[in-house]
Amino acid sequence: MWTTIHTIDWLLWIFMAPSVIYVAFYAFVSLFSKRSPLTTHPSDLRPQTLDLRPQPFSFLILFPAYQEDKVIVHSVRQCLKSTYPQELYHIVVISDHMTDETNDQLQQLPITLFTPQFEKSSKAKALYYALEHTEEHYDYVIILDADNAVLSDFLEQVNVSCRQGHRAIQCHRCAKNSDNDVAVLDGISEEINNTLFRKAHNRIGISSALIGSGMCFEYEWFKNHVGSFETAVEDREMEIELMKEHIFIKYEEDILVFDEKVSSSENFQRQRLRWMTGQIQSLLMMLPYLPTAIKTGNIHYIDKTMQQALIPRSILLVLTSFIAMVMTYIYFPWSLKWWGLFLLISLSIFVAIPKRMRTKALFGKLLSTVKLVGLMLGNLFKMDLKSKDFLHTTHDKQGL
């Protein structure tokens, strides 16, 4: 019996340790000083001759909006306050199942409004519809969520990054609300992701992860690929295609996109269910190409595949601490390796939290954290890996 317990103990540790080590490595890397990304393939950047164009780039800004009546008008109006030359950007809203009142308000604005009627809605379908029905040509396409807000100089900042030769850009998405514990913790979680999977990756020359909005792509590349995105996590599919083509994803930490964080446990659980399902779906999509990536030395693709196999951090925190306490009771020496994992993941998460967020108030939200982790564990029994349905996250208030 003791042999069986010890074997299970080690198997569980070996299963969880790689995820902890991965997070710890990038938490450490995030402490490096800022530097230009190393590129590993000539197609990582646009030809440098294009950077010499005297005129700024043109942008098509897409707002896919499914039942987003509470926030979309405010977000579009905020975007229209841009100080960028008006002739060099155009806003398109894809209104999916929104009210006539909302559409009437949008039609009064200097934008293009599409109102498709999808039998089964998805963000990918909305983006494809917009590109199929846009006749003008642009240099870049920007994707914003219906609840996103940007500053007036947003396009000027993006243009600077584009002129540096980047074909794929992920801006710094951050919280615009902190209504309650759920919203605060959701915002902190996103900043941890920004540190680990975006900033730290770029520090050592590896592509940033995408996040679903606040994204900018070379127009022709996006138009040629958008029709192939099929799942409810289209940003993961974009990453796969970019990695296969050795296109570097630049994370612009100083270009802010304000995003409304979920304020209820129900929305949190629905959002995480979509993310967890999409993560496993992405892993299954990426595995067939992995041998080729290894053979060709495509470190970006290899790293992205590893990222999809990670156990969520909050689940790691709970499970490592729980097993450590159980093993302490059963046989203390066996627990040491678990306490080591728990301390390592705890320290890594602390390092990944921006300094401005490391406040005493954060530690007062531990009970809320435990509740949300319980919801995530419950999602393990709800995932449908064959589902491509879009799980909509509702908003609790009007645009801020």
Protein backbone atom coordinates (compact mmCIF):
# COMPACT_ATOMS: atom_id res chain seq x y z
CA MET A 1 0.00 0.00 0.00
CA TRP A 2 2.79 2.42 0.91
CA THR A 3 4.50 1.67 -2.40
CA THR A 4 1.29 2.48 -4.27
CA ILE A 5 0.83 5.77 -2.38
CA HIS A 6 4.44 6.74 -3.00
CA THR A 7 4.14 5.94 -6.72
CA ILE A 8 0.95 7.99 -7.09
CA ASP A 9 2.61 10.79 -5.13
CA TRP A 10 5.54 10.95 -7.55
CA LEU A 11 3.37 10.63 -10.65
CA LEU A 12 1.25 13.59 -9.53
CA TRP A 13 4.38 15.62 -8.77
CA ILE A 14 5.90 14.84 -12.17
CA PHE A 15 2.58 15.83 -13.80
CA MET A 16 2.43 19.23 -12.08
CA ALA A 17 6.10 20.19 -11.83
CA PRO A 18 6.61 21.17 -15.52
CA SER A 19 3.79 23.74 -15.33
CA VAL A 20 5.28 25.27 -12.18
CA ILE A 21 8.79 25.35 -13.67
CA TYR A 22 7.50 26.97 -16.88
CA VAL A 23 5.75 29.75 -14.93
CA ALA A 24 8.76 30.21 -12.63
CA PHE A 25 11.15 30.53 -15.59
CA TYR A 26 9.18 33.32 -17.25
CA ALA A 27 8.55 35.07 -13.94
CA PHE A 28 12.34 35.22 -13.54
CA VAL A 29 12.80 36.35 -17.15
CA SER A 30 10.32 39.19 -16.61
CA LEU A 31 12.86 40.77 -14.26
CA PHE A 32 15.29 41.25 -17.16
CA SER A 33 15.72 44.76 -18.51
CA LYS A 34 13.73 45.74 -21.60
CA ARG A 35 15.38 44.92 -24.90
CA SER A 36 14.58 44.58 -28.57
CA PRO A 37 13.27 41.13 -29.52
CA LEU A 38 15.57 38.66 -31.21
CA THR A 39 14.17 37.45 -34.50
CA THR A 40 14.84 33.99 -35.85
CA HIS A 41 13.50 34.11 -39.38
CA PRO A 42 13.69 36.70 -42.18
CA SER A 43 9.87 36.87 -42.36
CA ASP A 44 9.61 37.90 -38.70
CA LEU A 45 9.66 41.55 -39.73
CA ARG A 46 8.42 43.52 -42.70
CA PRO A 47 11.09 44.62 -45.18
CA GLN A 48 12.92 47.58 -43.68
CA THR A 49 12.40 49.65 -46.86
CA LEU A 50 8.72 50.00 -45.95
CA ASP A 51 9.71 51.80 -42.74
CA LEU A 52 10.98 54.70 -44.83
CA ARG A 53 7.52 55.66 -46.11
CA PRO A 54 6.91 59.32 -45.22
CA GLN A 55 3.17 58.86 -44.68
CA PRO A 56 1.65 56.97 -41.72
CA PHE A 57 -0.12 53.66 -42.14
CA SER A 58 -3.86 53.26 -42.65
CA PHE A 59 -5.96 51.17 -40.23
CA LEU A 60 -9.22 49.27 -40.39
CA ILE A 61 -10.63 49.00 -36.85
CA LEU A 62 -13.05 46.12 -36.30
CA PHE A 63 -15.56 45.91 -33.42
CA PRO A 64 -17.29 42.49 -33.47
CA ALA A 65 -20.32 43.00 -31.21
CA TYR A 66 -22.63 40.18 -30.15
CA GLN A 67 -25.46 41.42 -27.88
CA GLU A 68 -23.23 44.27 -26.73
CA ASP A 69 -25.91 46.97 -26.52
CA LYS A 70 -24.71 48.21 -23.12
CA VAL A 71 -21.16 49.08 -24.16
CA ILE A 72 -20.63 49.27 -27.92
CA VAL A 73 -21.80 52.84 -28.57
CA HIS A 74 -19.60 54.26 -25.83
CA SER A 75 -16.56 52.30 -27.05
CA VAL A 76 -16.98 53.46 -30.65
CA ARG A 77 -17.44 57.08 -29.61
CA GLN A 78 -14.30 56.84 -27.51
CA CYS A 79 -12.37 55.44 -30.47
CA LEU A 80 -13.63 58.26 -32.72
CA LYS A 81 -11.88 60.78 -30.46
CA SER A 82 -8.62 59.68 -32.03
CA THR A 83 -6.16 62.43 -32.98
CA TYR A 84 -4.92 60.30 -35.90
CA PRO A 85 -5.70 61.67 -39.39
CA GLN A 86 -9.35 60.81 -40.08
CA GLU A 87 -8.68 59.73 -43.65
CA LEU A 88 -6.25 57.07 -42.44
CA TYR A 89 -8.54 55.00 -40.25
CA HIS A 90 -12.05 53.63 -40.48
CA ILE A 91 -14.21 51.89 -37.89
CA VAL A 92 -16.42 48.91 -38.70
CA VAL A 93 -18.94 47.49 -36.23
CA ILE A 94 -20.32 44.02 -36.89
CA SER A 95 -23.65 44.15 -35.05
CA ASP A 96 -24.81 40.62 -34.25
CA HIS A 97 -28.14 40.26 -32.45
CA MET A 98 -28.19 43.82 -31.16
CA THR A 99 -31.32 45.96 -30.84
CA ASP A 100 -32.64 48.35 -33.46
CA GLU A 101 -32.14 51.19 -30.97
CA THR A 102 -28.44 50.41 -30.66
CA ASN A 103 -28.03 50.06 -34.43
CA ASP A 104 -29.80 53.39 -34.96
CA GLN A 105 -27.34 55.09 -32.61
CA LEU A 106 -24.40 53.51 -34.41
CA GLN A 107 -25.70 54.56 -37.81
CA GLN A 108 -25.48 58.19 -36.70
CA LEU A 109 -21.73 57.85 -36.30
CA PRO A 110 -19.11 58.12 -39.09
CA ILE A 111 -18.52 54.37 -39.24
CA THR A 112 -19.59 51.36 -41.27
CA LEU A 113 -22.25 49.16 -39.65
CA PHE A 114 -22.78 45.57 -40.72
CA THR A 115 -25.78 43.63 -39.39
CA PRO A 116 -25.31 39.97 -40.37
CA GLN A 117 -27.76 37.34 -39.14
CA PHE A 118 -25.71 34.31 -38.17
CA GLU A 119 -27.52 31.11 -37.31
CA LYS A 120 -24.64 30.27 -34.95
CA SER A 121 -22.72 33.38 -33.96
CA SER A 122 -18.97 33.58 -33.37
CA LYS A 123 -16.34 36.28 -33.30
CA ALA A 124 -14.45 34.56 -36.12
CA LYS A 125 -17.54 34.68 -38.36
CA ALA A 126 -18.04 38.36 -37.61
CA LEU A 127 -14.45 39.21 -38.50
CA TYR A 128 -14.62 37.20 -41.72
CA TYR A 129 -17.89 38.88 -42.69
CA ALA A 130 -16.37 42.33 -42.21
CA LEU A 131 -13.32 41.58 -44.38
CA GLU A 132 -15.47 39.99 -47.09
CA HIS A 133 -17.65 43.10 -47.29
CA THR A 134 -14.87 45.71 -47.09
CA GLU A 135 -13.77 46.88 -50.51
CA GLU A 136 -11.15 49.44 -49.49
CA HIS A 137 -7.57 48.39 -48.83
CA TYR A 138 -5.73 49.21 -45.60
CA ASP A 139 -2.23 48.61 -44.31
CA TYR A 140 -3.25 47.10 -40.99
CA VAL A 141 -6.35 45.77 -39.24
CA ILE A 142 -7.01 46.35 -35.53
CA ILE A 143 -9.39 44.18 -33.52
CA LEU A 144 -11.11 45.63 -30.46
CA ASP A 145 -13.79 44.11 -28.25
CA ALA A 146 -17.07 45.93 -27.80
CA ASP A 147 -16.16 46.92 -24.24
CA ASN A 148 -12.66 48.17 -25.08
CA ALA A 149 -11.68 51.80 -24.64
CA VAL A 150 -8.55 53.43 -26.08
CA LEU A 151 -6.83 56.76 -25.59
CA SER A 152 -6.87 59.49 -28.22
CA ASP A 153 -3.25 58.81 -29.24
CA PHE A 154 -3.76 55.06 -29.53
CA LEU A 155 -3.38 54.94 -33.31
CA GLU A 156 -0.30 57.16 -33.26
CA GLN A 157 1.33 54.70 -30.87
CA VAL A 158 0.33 51.68 -32.96
CA ASN A 159 1.61 53.41 -36.08
CA VAL A 160 5.04 53.82 -34.47
CA SER A 161 5.17 50.10 -33.76
CA CYS A 162 4.10 49.29 -37.32
CA ARG A 163 6.82 51.54 -38.71
CA GLN A 164 9.34 49.47 -36.77
CA GLY A 165 8.39 46.60 -39.06
CA HIS A 166 6.09 44.47 -36.93
CA ARG A 167 3.42 42.47 -38.73
CA ALA A 168 1.57 41.27 -35.61
CA ILE A 169 1.15 43.38 -32.48
CA GLN A 170 -0.52 42.72 -29.14
CA CYS A 171 -1.24 45.84 -27.11
CA HIS A 172 -1.35 45.99 -23.31
CA ARG A 173 -4.92 45.14 -22.33
CA CYS A 174 -5.66 46.26 -18.79
CA ALA A 175 -8.67 46.63 -16.50
CA LYS A 176 -10.90 49.69 -16.70
CA ASN A 177 -13.06 48.70 -13.72
CA SER A 178 -12.54 47.36 -10.21
CA ASP A 179 -16.11 47.11 -8.95
CA ASN A 180 -15.67 44.15 -6.62
CA ASP A 181 -13.35 41.30 -5.69
CA VAL A 182 -14.14 39.33 -8.86
CA ALA A 183 -13.27 42.26 -11.15
CA VAL A 184 -10.08 43.05 -9.20
CA LEU A 185 -8.88 39.43 -9.27
CA ASP A 186 -9.76 39.13 -12.97
CA GLY A 187 -7.69 42.25 -13.65
CA ILE A 188 -4.75 40.91 -11.64
CA SER A 189 -4.95 37.58 -13.47
CA GLU A 190 -4.74 39.38 -16.79
CA GLU A 191 -1.71 41.39 -15.66
CA ILE A 192 0.02 38.18 -14.56
CA ASN A 193 -0.62 36.79 -18.04
CA ASN A 194 0.77 40.01 -19.54
CA THR A 195 3.94 39.55 -17.50
CA LEU A 196 4.48 35.85 -18.15
CA PHE A 197 3.17 35.23 -21.65
CA ARG A 198 3.76 38.59 -23.29
CA LYS A 199 6.40 40.79 -21.68
CA ALA A 200 8.71 38.00 -20.49
CA HIS A 201 8.46 36.13 -23.78
CA ASN A 202 9.48 39.20 -25.77
CA ARG A 203 12.37 39.78 -23.35
CA ILE A 204 14.13 36.69 -24.71
CA GLY A 205 12.96 37.00 -28.30
CA ILE A 206 9.94 34.69 -28.21
CA SER A 207 6.58 35.77 -29.59
CA SER A 208 3.97 37.23 -27.28
CA ALA A 209 0.68 35.46 -26.72
CA LEU A 210 -2.42 37.07 -28.19
CA ILE A 211 -5.35 37.98 -25.97
CA GLY A 212 -8.38 38.33 -28.27
CA SER A 213 -8.52 42.12 -28.54
CA GLY A 214 -6.15 45.05 -28.71
CA MET A 215 -4.51 43.17 -31.59
CA CYS A 216 -3.07 44.59 -34.82
CA PHE A 217 -2.15 42.59 -37.92
CA GLU A 218 -0.83 43.30 -41.38
CA TYR A 219 -4.01 43.67 -43.44
CA GLU A 220 -3.18 41.27 -46.26
CA TRP A 221 -2.04 38.54 -43.88
CA PHE A 222 -5.21 38.82 -41.82
CA LYS A 223 -7.51 38.91 -44.85
CA ASN A 224 -5.88 35.77 -46.24
CA HIS A 225 -6.29 33.83 -42.99
CA VAL A 226 -9.45 35.03 -41.27
CA GLY A 227 -11.68 32.66 -43.23
CA SER A 228 -9.91 29.63 -41.76
CA PHE A 229 -10.66 30.43 -38.10
CA GLU A 230 -13.42 28.15 -36.84
CA THR A 231 -13.34 27.84 -33.04
CA ALA A 232 -14.60 30.10 -30.25
CA VAL A 233 -10.97 30.99 -29.42
CA GLU A 234 -9.94 32.46 -32.74
CA ASP A 235 -6.95 34.23 -31.19
CA ARG A 236 -5.36 30.84 -30.48
CA GLU A 237 -5.86 29.91 -34.14
CA MET A 238 -4.22 33.18 -35.16
CA GLU A 239 -1.24 32.33 -32.97
CA ILE A 240 -0.90 28.93 -34.60
CA GLU A 241 -0.81 30.39 -38.10
CA LEU A 242 1.62 33.15 -37.10
CA MET A 243 3.93 30.63 -35.43
CA LYS A 244 3.87 28.33 -38.46
CA GLU A 245 4.88 31.24 -40.68
CA HIS A 246 7.58 32.47 -38.27
CA ILE A 247 5.85 35.83 -37.83
CA PHE A 248 6.93 37.46 -34.59
CA ILE A 249 4.20 38.85 -32.28
CA LYS A 250 5.34 42.08 -30.64
CA TYR A 251 3.94 42.99 -27.22
CA GLU A 252 3.57 46.74 -26.80
CA GLU A 253 3.48 47.23 -23.04
CA ASP A 254 3.01 51.00 -23.29
CA ILE A 255 0.03 50.94 -25.69
CA LEU A 256 -2.98 50.57 -23.42
CA VAL A 257 -6.37 49.08 -24.26
CA PHE A 258 -8.84 49.28 -21.38
CA ASP A 259 -11.04 46.23 -20.99
CA GLU A 260 -14.06 45.65 -18.76
CA LYS A 261 -13.39 42.85 -16.27
CA VAL A 262 -16.11 40.39 -15.28
CA SER A 263 -17.91 41.40 -12.08
CA SER A 264 -19.89 38.28 -11.25
CA SER A 265 -18.97 34.70 -10.40
CA GLU A 266 -21.28 33.41 -13.16
CA ASN A 267 -19.52 35.43 -15.87
CA PHE A 268 -16.13 34.46 -14.45
CA GLN A 269 -17.01 30.77 -14.62
CA ARG A 270 -18.40 31.08 -18.17
CA GLN A 271 -15.31 32.98 -19.32
CA ARG A 272 -12.89 30.49 -17.79
CA LEU A 273 -14.84 27.58 -19.22
CA ARG A 274 -14.36 29.07 -22.68
CA TRP A 275 -10.66 29.63 -22.05
CA MET A 276 -9.99 26.19 -20.57
CA THR A 277 -11.86 24.46 -23.39
CA GLY A 278 -10.06 26.56 -25.97
CA GLN A 279 -6.68 25.80 -24.41
CA ILE A 280 -7.14 22.06 -24.76
CA GLN A 281 -8.63 22.43 -28.25
CA SER A 282 -5.57 24.49 -29.24
CA LEU A 283 -3.20 21.90 -27.81
CA LEU A 284 -4.89 19.18 -29.87
CA MET A 285 -4.65 21.36 -32.99
CA MET A 286 -0.97 22.12 -32.41
CA LEU A 287 0.33 18.62 -31.62
CA PRO A 288 0.28 17.28 -35.24
CA TYR A 289 2.63 20.07 -36.41
CA LEU A 290 4.92 19.82 -33.36
CA PRO A 291 7.37 17.27 -34.91
CA THR A 292 7.86 19.62 -37.87
CA ALA A 293 8.40 22.56 -35.52
CA ILE A 294 11.02 20.59 -33.60
CA LYS A 295 12.73 19.48 -36.82
CA THR A 296 12.88 23.05 -38.17
CA GLY A 297 13.80 24.63 -34.84
CA ASN A 298 10.63 26.72 -34.61
CA ILE A 299 11.09 27.69 -30.96
CA HIS A 300 8.04 29.99 -31.05
CA TYR A 301 5.72 27.15 -32.00
CA ILE A 302 7.32 24.73 -29.54
CA ASP A 303 6.95 27.22 -26.69
CA LYS A 304 3.33 27.95 -27.65
CA THR A 305 2.52 24.24 -27.62
CA MET A 306 4.03 23.91 -24.15
CA GLN A 307 1.97 26.90 -23.04
CA GLN A 308 -1.27 25.20 -24.10
CA ALA A 309 -0.37 22.19 -21.93
CA LEU A 310 0.00 24.21 -18.73
CA ILE A 311 -2.21 23.57 -15.72
CA PRO A 312 -3.96 26.85 -14.70
CA ARG A 313 -1.96 28.68 -12.02
CA SER A 314 -4.79 28.97 -9.52
CA ILE A 315 -5.41 25.22 -9.71
CA LEU A 316 -1.68 24.63 -9.21
CA LEU A 317 -1.76 26.78 -6.08
CA VAL A 318 -4.66 24.87 -4.57
CA LEU A 319 -3.53 21.38 -5.52
CA THR A 320 0.13 21.75 -4.52
CA SER A 321 -0.79 23.19 -1.12
CA PHE A 322 -3.50 20.58 -0.54
CA ILE A 323 -1.27 17.63 -1.47
CA ALA A 324 1.59 19.10 0.58
CA MET A 325 -0.62 19.17 3.67
CA VAL A 326 -1.89 15.64 3.05
CA MET A 327 1.65 14.31 2.58
CA THR A 328 2.79 16.13 5.69
CA TYR A 329 0.20 14.15 7.61
CA ILE A 330 1.03 10.84 5.87
CA TYR A 331 4.83 11.07 5.86
CA PHE A 332 6.59 14.42 6.22
CA PRO A 333 9.70 13.72 4.04
CA TRP A 334 7.41 13.01 1.08
CA SER A 335 5.79 16.41 1.49
CA LEU A 336 9.00 18.43 1.03
CA LYS A 337 8.93 18.29 -2.76
CA TRP A 338 5.29 19.48 -2.68
CA TRP A 339 6.05 22.37 -0.34
CA GLY A 340 8.86 23.26 -2.74
CA LEU A 341 6.44 23.38 -5.69
CA PHE A 342 3.93 25.40 -3.68
CA LEU A 343 6.53 27.97 -2.64
CA LEU A 344 7.90 28.20 -6.20
CA ILE A 345 4.49 28.80 -7.82
CA SER A 346 3.55 31.27 -5.05
CA LEU A 347 6.76 33.25 -5.48
CA SER A 348 6.43 33.19 -9.28
CA ILE A 349 2.89 34.56 -9.16
CA PHE A 350 3.97 37.27 -6.71
CA VAL A 351 6.82 38.32 -9.00
CA ALA A 352 4.47 38.38 -12.03
CA ILE A 353 1.99 40.73 -10.30
CA PRO A 354 2.89 44.35 -11.17
CA LYS A 355 4.29 46.22 -8.17
CA ARG A 356 1.42 48.71 -8.19
CA MET A 357 -0.99 45.84 -7.51
CA ARG A 358 0.91 44.26 -4.60
CA THR A 359 -1.18 45.87 -1.89
CA LYS A 360 -2.49 44.69 1.47
CA ALA A 361 -6.00 44.76 0.00
CA LEU A 362 -4.98 41.98 -2.41
CA PHE A 363 -4.33 39.54 0.40
CA GLY A 364 -7.77 40.31 1.83
CA LYS A 365 -9.30 38.76 -1.28
CA LEU A 366 -8.00 35.25 -0.58
CA LEU A 367 -11.48 33.92 0.24
CA SER A 368 -12.78 35.18 -3.10
CA THR A 369 -9.81 33.53 -4.79
CA VAL A 370 -10.64 30.17 -3.23
CA LYS A 371 -14.26 30.46 -4.41
CA LEU A 372 -13.20 31.29 -7.98
CA VAL A 373 -10.74 28.40 -8.05
CA GLY A 374 -13.60 26.13 -7.00
CA LEU A 375 -15.58 27.34 -10.00
CA MET A 376 -12.63 26.62 -12.28
CA LEU A 377 -12.31 23.11 -10.89
CA GLY A 378 -16.02 22.64 -11.56
CA ASN A 379 -15.42 23.61 -15.18
CA LEU A 380 -13.28 20.49 -15.61
CA PHE A 381 -16.51 18.48 -15.67
CA LYS A 382 -18.28 20.85 -18.08
CA MET A 383 -15.79 21.05 -20.94
CA ASP A 384 -16.89 19.82 -24.35
CA LEU A 385 -13.79 19.55 -26.50
CA LYS A 386 -15.86 19.09 -29.67
CA SER A 387 -17.87 22.26 -29.11
CA LYS A 388 -17.23 25.30 -31.28
CA ASP A 389 -20.06 27.31 -29.70
CA PHE A 390 -19.38 30.91 -28.75
CA LEU A 391 -19.87 31.49 -25.00
CA HIS A 392 -20.83 35.13 -24.60
CA THR A 393 -19.72 37.09 -21.53
CA THR A 394 -22.40 39.60 -20.60
CA HIS A 395 -21.79 43.07 -19.17
CA ASP A 396 -23.36 44.27 -15.95
CA LYS A 397 -23.39 47.98 -16.67
CA GLN A 398 -23.40 50.63 -19.37
CA GLY A 399 -20.13 51.72 -20.97
CA LEU A 400 -17.81 53.42 -18.51
